[in-house]
């Protein structure tokens, strides 16, 4: 499994609701349309106005293939919510355990 880790700054509390609405209403449904999509985890640090997204993929090929179109879409969505994109990295995820993690 692989994880695309995306880091955002400028995620102050006033932007949280709009960002969560976009994630739930637009981002996750869009990601589900990609082959190899395995899951999404959102992380938020209110004190530091930072956020991270972890997108799980079944393989490196699936992650790289999806990134070809997701990179441009991401820019538009980030701008719409008013965040700053700090980094986009791909990691191998040799251990993933999410039993009962639905939130």
Protein backbone atom coordinates (compact mmCIF):
# COMPACT_ATOMS: atom_id res chain seq x y z
CA UNK A 1 0.00 0.00 0.00
CA UNK A 2 1.07 3.60 -0.62
CA UNK A 3 0.03 6.89 0.94
CA UNK A 4 0.03 10.30 -0.71
CA UNK A 5 0.71 12.75 2.15
CA UNK A 6 -0.40 16.30 1.43
CA UNK A 7 0.49 19.13 3.83
CA UNK A 8 -1.43 22.40 4.05
CA UNK A 9 -0.86 25.61 5.98
CA UNK A 10 -3.29 28.43 6.67
CA UNK A 11 -5.86 25.98 8.03
CA UNK A 12 -7.23 28.28 10.67
CA UNK A 13 -10.43 27.40 12.53
CA UNK A 14 -12.54 29.68 10.31
CA UNK A 15 -11.76 27.53 7.27
CA UNK A 16 -12.32 24.17 8.92
CA UNK A 17 -16.03 23.71 8.16
CA UNK A 18 -15.64 24.67 4.49
CA UNK A 19 -12.67 22.34 4.12
CA UNK A 20 -14.48 19.40 5.76
CA UNK A 21 -17.53 19.99 3.59
CA UNK A 22 -15.35 19.93 0.47
CA UNK A 23 -13.54 16.78 1.61
CA UNK A 24 -16.77 14.90 2.34
CA UNK A 25 -18.83 16.25 -0.54
CA UNK A 26 -16.28 16.54 -3.35
CA UNK A 27 -12.86 15.06 -2.61
CA UNK A 28 -13.80 11.61 -1.30
CA UNK A 29 -16.49 10.95 -3.94
CA UNK A 30 -13.98 11.99 -6.63
CA UNK A 31 -11.23 9.77 -5.20
CA UNK A 32 -13.59 6.79 -5.15
CA UNK A 33 -13.73 7.00 -8.95
CA UNK A 34 -9.99 6.24 -9.25
CA UNK A 35 -8.72 2.69 -9.63
CA UNK A 36 -6.72 1.63 -6.62
CA UNK A 37 -8.15 4.16 -4.16
CA UNK A 38 -8.18 2.62 -0.67
CA UNK A 39 -9.04 5.40 1.78
CA UNK A 40 -8.62 8.93 3.08
CA UNK A 41 -7.46 10.31 6.42
CA UNK A 42 -7.66 13.99 7.35
CA UNK A 43 -5.42 15.39 10.10
CA UNK A 44 -5.90 18.83 11.63
CA UNK A 45 -3.75 20.90 14.03
CA UNK A 46 -5.80 23.93 15.06
CA UNK A 47 -3.04 25.43 17.24
CA UNK A 48 -0.59 25.54 14.32
CA UNK A 49 -3.20 26.16 11.57
CA UNK A 50 -1.93 23.10 9.73
CA UNK A 51 -3.63 20.15 8.10
CA UNK A 52 -2.59 16.97 6.33
CA UNK A 53 -4.39 14.57 4.07
CA UNK A 54 -3.35 10.96 3.64
CA UNK A 55 -4.75 9.27 0.57
CA UNK A 56 -4.26 5.53 0.58
CA UNK A 57 -3.62 3.64 -2.67
CA UNK A 58 -3.34 -0.08 -3.32
CA UNK A 59 -0.10 0.39 -5.29
CA UNK A 60 2.53 2.89 -6.33
CA UNK A 61 1.25 2.69 -9.92
CA UNK A 62 -2.29 3.55 -8.81
CA UNK A 63 -1.03 6.53 -6.79
CA UNK A 64 1.12 7.85 -9.61
CA UNK A 65 -1.58 7.36 -12.23
CA UNK A 66 -4.15 9.22 -10.13
CA UNK A 67 -1.72 12.06 -9.42
CA UNK A 68 -1.59 12.89 -13.13
CA UNK A 69 -5.07 14.43 -12.88
CA UNK A 70 -5.37 15.03 -9.14
CA UNK A 71 -2.50 17.54 -8.99
CA UNK A 72 -4.38 20.10 -11.06
CA UNK A 73 -7.72 19.45 -9.35
CA UNK A 74 -6.05 19.82 -5.95
CA UNK A 75 -4.75 23.30 -6.78
CA UNK A 76 -8.25 24.55 -7.54
CA UNK A 77 -9.82 23.02 -4.44
CA UNK A 78 -7.07 24.32 -2.14
CA UNK A 79 -7.46 27.84 -3.53
CA UNK A 80 -11.24 27.65 -3.15
CA UNK A 81 -10.96 26.91 0.57
CA UNK A 82 -8.11 29.41 1.09
CA UNK A 83 -5.35 27.04 2.19
CA UNK A 84 -1.72 26.94 1.08
CA UNK A 85 -0.34 23.71 -0.34
CA UNK A 86 3.02 23.06 1.34
CA UNK A 87 3.99 19.60 0.07
CA UNK A 88 2.78 16.51 -1.74
CA UNK A 89 4.77 13.34 -1.10
CA UNK A 90 4.33 9.65 -1.76
CA UNK A 91 5.30 7.08 0.87
CA UNK A 92 5.20 3.34 0.95
CA UNK A 93 2.85 2.28 3.75
CA UNK A 94 4.15 -1.13 4.83
CA UNK A 95 1.78 -1.28 7.83
CA UNK A 96 -1.81 -0.02 7.73
CA UNK A 97 -4.34 -1.05 10.38
CA UNK A 98 -7.68 0.76 10.32
CA UNK A 99 -10.08 -1.68 11.92
CA UNK A 100 -13.18 0.19 13.02
CA UNK A 101 -11.81 3.58 11.94
CA UNK A 102 -15.01 4.96 10.36
CA UNK A 103 -15.66 8.47 11.67
